[in-house]
Amino acid sequence: MELVEGDGVLLRVDSTVEEFVLEAAQHHCQEGFWEREVICRMEQYSNIAHIFSTYESRVGDTESDPVARGIKSVQVLCHGKR
């Protein structure tokens, strides 16, 4: 995970999946956490599609200023009817 401080300094924080889940759950259960998709782009070739989903994360309520933005990248495969 990478975090940017207010002065623009990039920090790197390493944790296991379990550590991340515990820390995030404690904070987000108290404060609230929302993630909203901003743009979704899909590219398809034959039976394989690659999806790029740009999102914004918010803490506090759904209309607060975004605290983070990112892109999820997913590949999906159609075999038969699925």
Protein backbone atom coordinates (compact mmCIF):
# COMPACT_ATOMS: atom_id res chain seq x y z
CA MET A 1 0.00 0.00 0.00
CA GLU A 2 1.32 3.47 -0.83
CA LEU A 3 0.26 6.61 1.00
CA VAL A 4 0.94 10.22 0.08
CA GLU A 5 1.52 12.64 2.92
CA GLY A 6 0.21 16.20 2.77
CA ASP A 7 3.60 17.46 1.58
CA GLY A 8 3.55 15.05 -1.39
CA VAL A 9 6.03 12.57 0.10
CA LEU A 10 5.24 9.02 -0.99
CA LEU A 11 5.31 6.43 1.80
CA ARG A 12 5.12 2.68 1.47
CA VAL A 13 3.46 0.56 4.13
CA ASP A 14 3.70 -3.23 3.93
CA SER A 15 1.24 -5.50 5.71
CA THR A 16 -0.27 -8.94 5.36
CA VAL A 17 -3.85 -9.31 4.13
CA GLU A 18 -4.96 -10.18 7.66
CA GLU A 19 -3.24 -7.10 9.14
CA PHE A 20 -4.81 -4.85 6.51
CA VAL A 21 -8.31 -6.27 7.13
CA LEU A 22 -8.04 -5.85 10.91
CA GLU A 23 -6.77 -2.28 10.69
CA ALA A 24 -9.26 -1.22 8.01
CA ALA A 25 -12.21 -2.86 9.79
CA GLN A 26 -11.47 -1.00 13.05
CA HIS A 27 -11.29 2.38 11.32
CA HIS A 28 -14.05 1.96 8.73
CA CYS A 29 -16.61 0.47 11.13
CA GLN A 30 -16.35 3.63 13.24
CA GLU A 31 -16.01 6.24 10.47
CA GLY A 32 -17.82 4.64 7.51
CA PHE A 33 -16.28 3.83 4.13
CA TRP A 34 -17.67 4.20 0.61
CA GLU A 35 -16.20 3.44 -2.76
CA ARG A 36 -17.78 4.79 -5.95
CA GLU A 37 -16.94 3.81 -9.52
CA VAL A 38 -16.18 6.89 -11.62
CA ILE A 39 -15.37 5.35 -15.01
CA CYS A 40 -15.46 1.81 -16.35
CA ARG A 41 -13.69 0.80 -19.55
CA MET A 42 -13.74 -2.65 -21.11
CA GLU A 43 -11.60 -3.99 -23.93
CA GLN A 44 -12.54 -7.33 -25.45
CA TYR A 45 -10.71 -9.71 -27.74
CA SER A 46 -12.47 -12.95 -28.65
CA ASN A 47 -13.60 -14.56 -25.37
CA ILE A 48 -11.35 -12.51 -23.05
CA ALA A 49 -12.23 -9.08 -21.68
CA HIS A 50 -10.10 -6.71 -19.64
CA ILE A 51 -11.96 -4.24 -17.42
CA PHE A 52 -10.49 -1.06 -15.94
CA SER A 53 -12.62 0.45 -13.17
CA THR A 54 -11.59 3.87 -11.86
CA TYR A 55 -12.92 4.58 -8.37
CA GLU A 56 -12.94 7.13 -5.56
CA SER A 57 -12.97 6.21 -1.86
CA ARG A 58 -14.70 8.30 0.78
CA VAL A 59 -14.68 8.20 4.59
CA GLY A 60 -17.38 9.71 6.80
CA ASP A 61 -20.29 9.88 4.37
CA THR A 62 -21.07 9.35 0.70
CA GLU A 63 -20.71 13.06 -0.15
CA SER A 64 -17.41 13.75 1.63
CA ASP A 65 -14.33 14.63 -0.40
CA PRO A 66 -12.48 11.61 -1.84
CA VAL A 67 -9.60 10.38 0.31
CA ALA A 68 -8.20 8.09 -2.40
CA ARG A 69 -8.55 7.28 -6.08
CA GLY A 70 -7.42 4.20 -7.91
CA ILE A 71 -7.94 1.77 -10.75
CA LYS A 72 -9.00 -1.84 -10.47
CA SER A 73 -7.90 -4.12 -13.29
CA VAL A 74 -9.84 -7.34 -13.90
CA GLN A 75 -9.66 -9.97 -16.62
CA VAL A 76 -12.66 -12.17 -17.38
CA LEU A 77 -13.02 -15.18 -19.63
CA CYS A 78 -16.16 -16.42 -21.35
CA HIS A 79 -16.25 -20.17 -21.87
CA GLY A 80 -19.47 -21.38 -23.29
CA LYS A 81 -22.40 -19.40 -21.94
CA ARG A 82 -20.65 -17.84 -18.90
